[in-house]
Amino acid sequence: MTDFLCRLWSDEEGQDIAEYAVMLAVILVIVVGTVRLIGGNANNTFSSVASSIQ
């Protein structure tokens, strides 16, 4: 039983998965924030161009 617990404690595969999950969450937050920022500015720019054309 102690051998199993020692192997389980030293197994780092789960730690790698957790690190990838945190990294993915940070990247998603950055991407969503950028898309929201650019999307709002792009909408204003297209509206301005459309009103100046008409």
N, C-alpha and C. Protein backbone atom coordinates (compact mmCIF):
# COMPACT_ATOMS: atom_id res chain seq x y z
N MET A 1 0.83 -1.19 0.00
CA MET A 1 0.00 0.00 0.00
C MET A 1 0.87 1.25 0.00
N THR A 2 1.91 1.27 0.80
CA THR A 2 2.78 2.45 0.85
C THR A 2 3.53 2.64 -0.48
N ASP A 3 3.85 1.52 -1.13
CA ASP A 3 4.52 1.63 -2.44
C ASP A 3 3.59 2.31 -3.44
N PHE A 4 2.31 1.93 -3.42
CA PHE A 4 1.32 2.54 -4.31
C PHE A 4 1.19 4.03 -4.03
N LEU A 5 1.14 4.42 -2.76
CA LEU A 5 1.02 5.83 -2.41
C LEU A 5 2.25 6.63 -2.82
N CYS A 6 3.43 6.02 -2.69
CA CYS A 6 4.66 6.69 -3.11
C CYS A 6 4.68 6.92 -4.62
N ARG A 7 4.24 5.91 -5.37
CA ARG A 7 4.18 6.07 -6.83
C ARG A 7 3.13 7.10 -7.22
N LEU A 8 2.00 7.11 -6.55
CA LEU A 8 0.94 8.07 -6.83
C LEU A 8 1.41 9.49 -6.51
N TRP A 9 2.14 9.64 -5.42
CA TRP A 9 2.63 10.96 -5.01
C TRP A 9 3.68 11.49 -5.99
N SER A 10 4.52 10.60 -6.53
CA SER A 10 5.59 11.04 -7.42
C SER A 10 5.14 11.13 -8.87
N ASP A 11 3.93 10.69 -9.19
CA ASP A 11 3.43 10.77 -10.55
C ASP A 11 3.09 12.22 -10.87
N GLU A 12 3.71 12.77 -11.91
CA GLU A 12 3.52 14.18 -12.25
C GLU A 12 2.65 14.38 -13.49
N GLU A 13 2.06 13.33 -13.99
CA GLU A 13 1.25 13.45 -15.20
C GLU A 13 0.03 14.33 -14.95
N GLY A 14 -0.62 14.19 -13.83
CA GLY A 14 -1.77 15.03 -13.50
C GLY A 14 -1.39 16.48 -13.34
N GLN A 15 -0.21 16.73 -12.85
CA GLN A 15 0.26 18.10 -12.69
C GLN A 15 0.45 18.76 -14.05
N ASP A 16 0.94 18.04 -15.02
CA ASP A 16 1.11 18.58 -16.37
C ASP A 16 -0.23 18.97 -16.96
N ILE A 17 -1.24 18.14 -16.76
CA ILE A 17 -2.57 18.43 -17.29
C ILE A 17 -3.13 19.68 -16.64
N ALA A 18 -2.94 19.85 -15.35
CA ALA A 18 -3.42 21.04 -14.66
C ALA A 18 -2.71 22.29 -15.17
N GLU A 19 -1.42 22.20 -15.42
CA GLU A 19 -0.68 23.35 -15.94
C GLU A 19 -1.17 23.73 -17.33
N TYR A 20 -1.45 22.75 -18.17
CA TYR A 20 -1.98 23.04 -19.51
C TYR A 20 -3.37 23.66 -19.41
N ALA A 21 -4.18 23.21 -18.48
CA ALA A 21 -5.52 23.78 -18.31
C ALA A 21 -5.45 25.24 -17.88
N VAL A 22 -4.54 25.56 -16.97
CA VAL A 22 -4.38 26.95 -16.53
C VAL A 22 -3.87 27.81 -17.68
N MET A 23 -2.91 27.29 -18.44
CA MET A 23 -2.38 28.03 -19.58
C MET A 23 -3.46 28.28 -20.62
N LEU A 24 -4.29 27.28 -20.89
CA LEU A 24 -5.39 27.43 -21.84
C LEU A 24 -6.39 28.46 -21.36
N ALA A 25 -6.70 28.47 -20.07
CA ALA A 25 -7.64 29.45 -19.53
C ALA A 25 -7.10 30.86 -19.67
N VAL A 26 -5.82 31.08 -19.42
CA VAL A 26 -5.22 32.41 -19.57
C VAL A 26 -5.26 32.85 -21.03
N ILE A 27 -4.94 31.96 -21.94
CA ILE A 27 -4.97 32.30 -23.36
C ILE A 27 -6.39 32.63 -23.79
N LEU A 28 -7.37 31.87 -23.33
CA LEU A 28 -8.76 32.15 -23.69
C LEU A 28 -9.22 33.51 -23.18
N VAL A 29 -8.82 33.87 -21.97
CA VAL A 29 -9.19 35.18 -21.43
C VAL A 29 -8.59 36.29 -22.28
N ILE A 30 -7.33 36.13 -22.68
CA ILE A 30 -6.68 37.15 -23.51
C ILE A 30 -7.37 37.25 -24.87
N VAL A 31 -7.68 36.13 -25.48
CA VAL A 31 -8.31 36.13 -26.80
C VAL A 31 -9.70 36.75 -26.73
N VAL A 32 -10.48 36.36 -25.74
CA VAL A 32 -11.85 36.91 -25.62
C VAL A 32 -11.79 38.41 -25.36
N GLY A 33 -10.88 38.86 -24.52
CA GLY A 33 -10.75 40.29 -24.26
C GLY A 33 -10.35 41.06 -25.51
N THR A 34 -9.42 40.51 -26.28
CA THR A 34 -8.99 41.17 -27.51
C THR A 34 -10.10 41.22 -28.53
N VAL A 35 -10.84 40.14 -28.69
CA VAL A 35 -11.94 40.11 -29.65
C VAL A 35 -13.02 41.11 -29.25
N ARG A 36 -13.31 41.21 -27.97
CA ARG A 36 -14.32 42.18 -27.53
C ARG A 36 -13.86 43.61 -27.78
N LEU A 37 -12.60 43.88 -27.52
CA LEU A 37 -12.06 45.23 -27.73
C LEU A 37 -12.05 45.58 -29.21
N ILE A 38 -11.53 44.70 -30.03
CA ILE A 38 -11.46 44.95 -31.47
C ILE A 38 -12.86 44.96 -32.08
N GLY A 39 -13.72 44.09 -31.61
CA GLY A 39 -15.08 44.03 -32.14
C GLY A 39 -15.84 45.33 -31.93
N GLY A 40 -15.72 45.92 -30.75
CA GLY A 40 -16.39 47.19 -30.48
C GLY A 40 -15.83 48.31 -31.33
N ASN A 41 -14.53 48.37 -31.46
CA ASN A 41 -13.91 49.41 -32.28
C ASN A 41 -14.24 49.22 -33.76
N ALA A 42 -14.25 48.00 -34.22
CA ALA A 42 -14.57 47.72 -35.62
C ALA A 42 -16.01 48.09 -35.91
N ASN A 43 -16.91 47.80 -35.00
CA ASN A 43 -18.31 48.15 -35.20
C ASN A 43 -18.48 49.66 -35.32
N ASN A 44 -17.80 50.42 -34.46
CA ASN A 44 -17.87 51.88 -34.54
C ASN A 44 -17.29 52.39 -35.86
N THR A 45 -16.19 51.82 -36.29
CA THR A 45 -15.56 52.25 -37.55
C THR A 45 -16.45 51.95 -38.73
N PHE A 46 -17.03 50.75 -38.79
CA PHE A 46 -17.92 50.41 -39.91
C PHE A 46 -19.17 51.27 -39.91
N SER A 47 -19.69 51.58 -38.76
CA SER A 47 -20.87 52.45 -38.67
C SER A 47 -20.53 53.85 -39.16
N SER A 48 -19.35 54.34 -38.79
CA SER A 48 -18.91 55.66 -39.24
C SER A 48 -18.73 55.70 -40.75
N VAL A 49 -18.12 54.68 -41.30
CA VAL A 49 -17.91 54.63 -42.75
C VAL A 49 -19.25 54.51 -43.46
N ALA A 50 -20.14 53.71 -42.97
CA ALA A 50 -21.44 53.52 -43.60
C ALA A 50 -22.25 54.82 -43.58
N SER A 51 -22.21 55.56 -42.49
CA SER A 51 -22.97 56.81 -42.43
C SER A 51 -22.35 57.89 -43.32
N SER A 52 -21.04 57.86 -43.52
CA SER A 52 -20.42 58.85 -44.39
C SER A 52 -20.65 58.53 -45.86
N ILE A 53 -20.87 57.27 -46.18
CA ILE A 53 -21.15 56.89 -47.58
C ILE A 53 -22.57 57.29 -47.97
N GLN A 54 -23.50 57.17 -47.06
CA GLN A 54 -24.91 57.44 -47.39
C GLN A 54 -25.19 58.88 -47.51
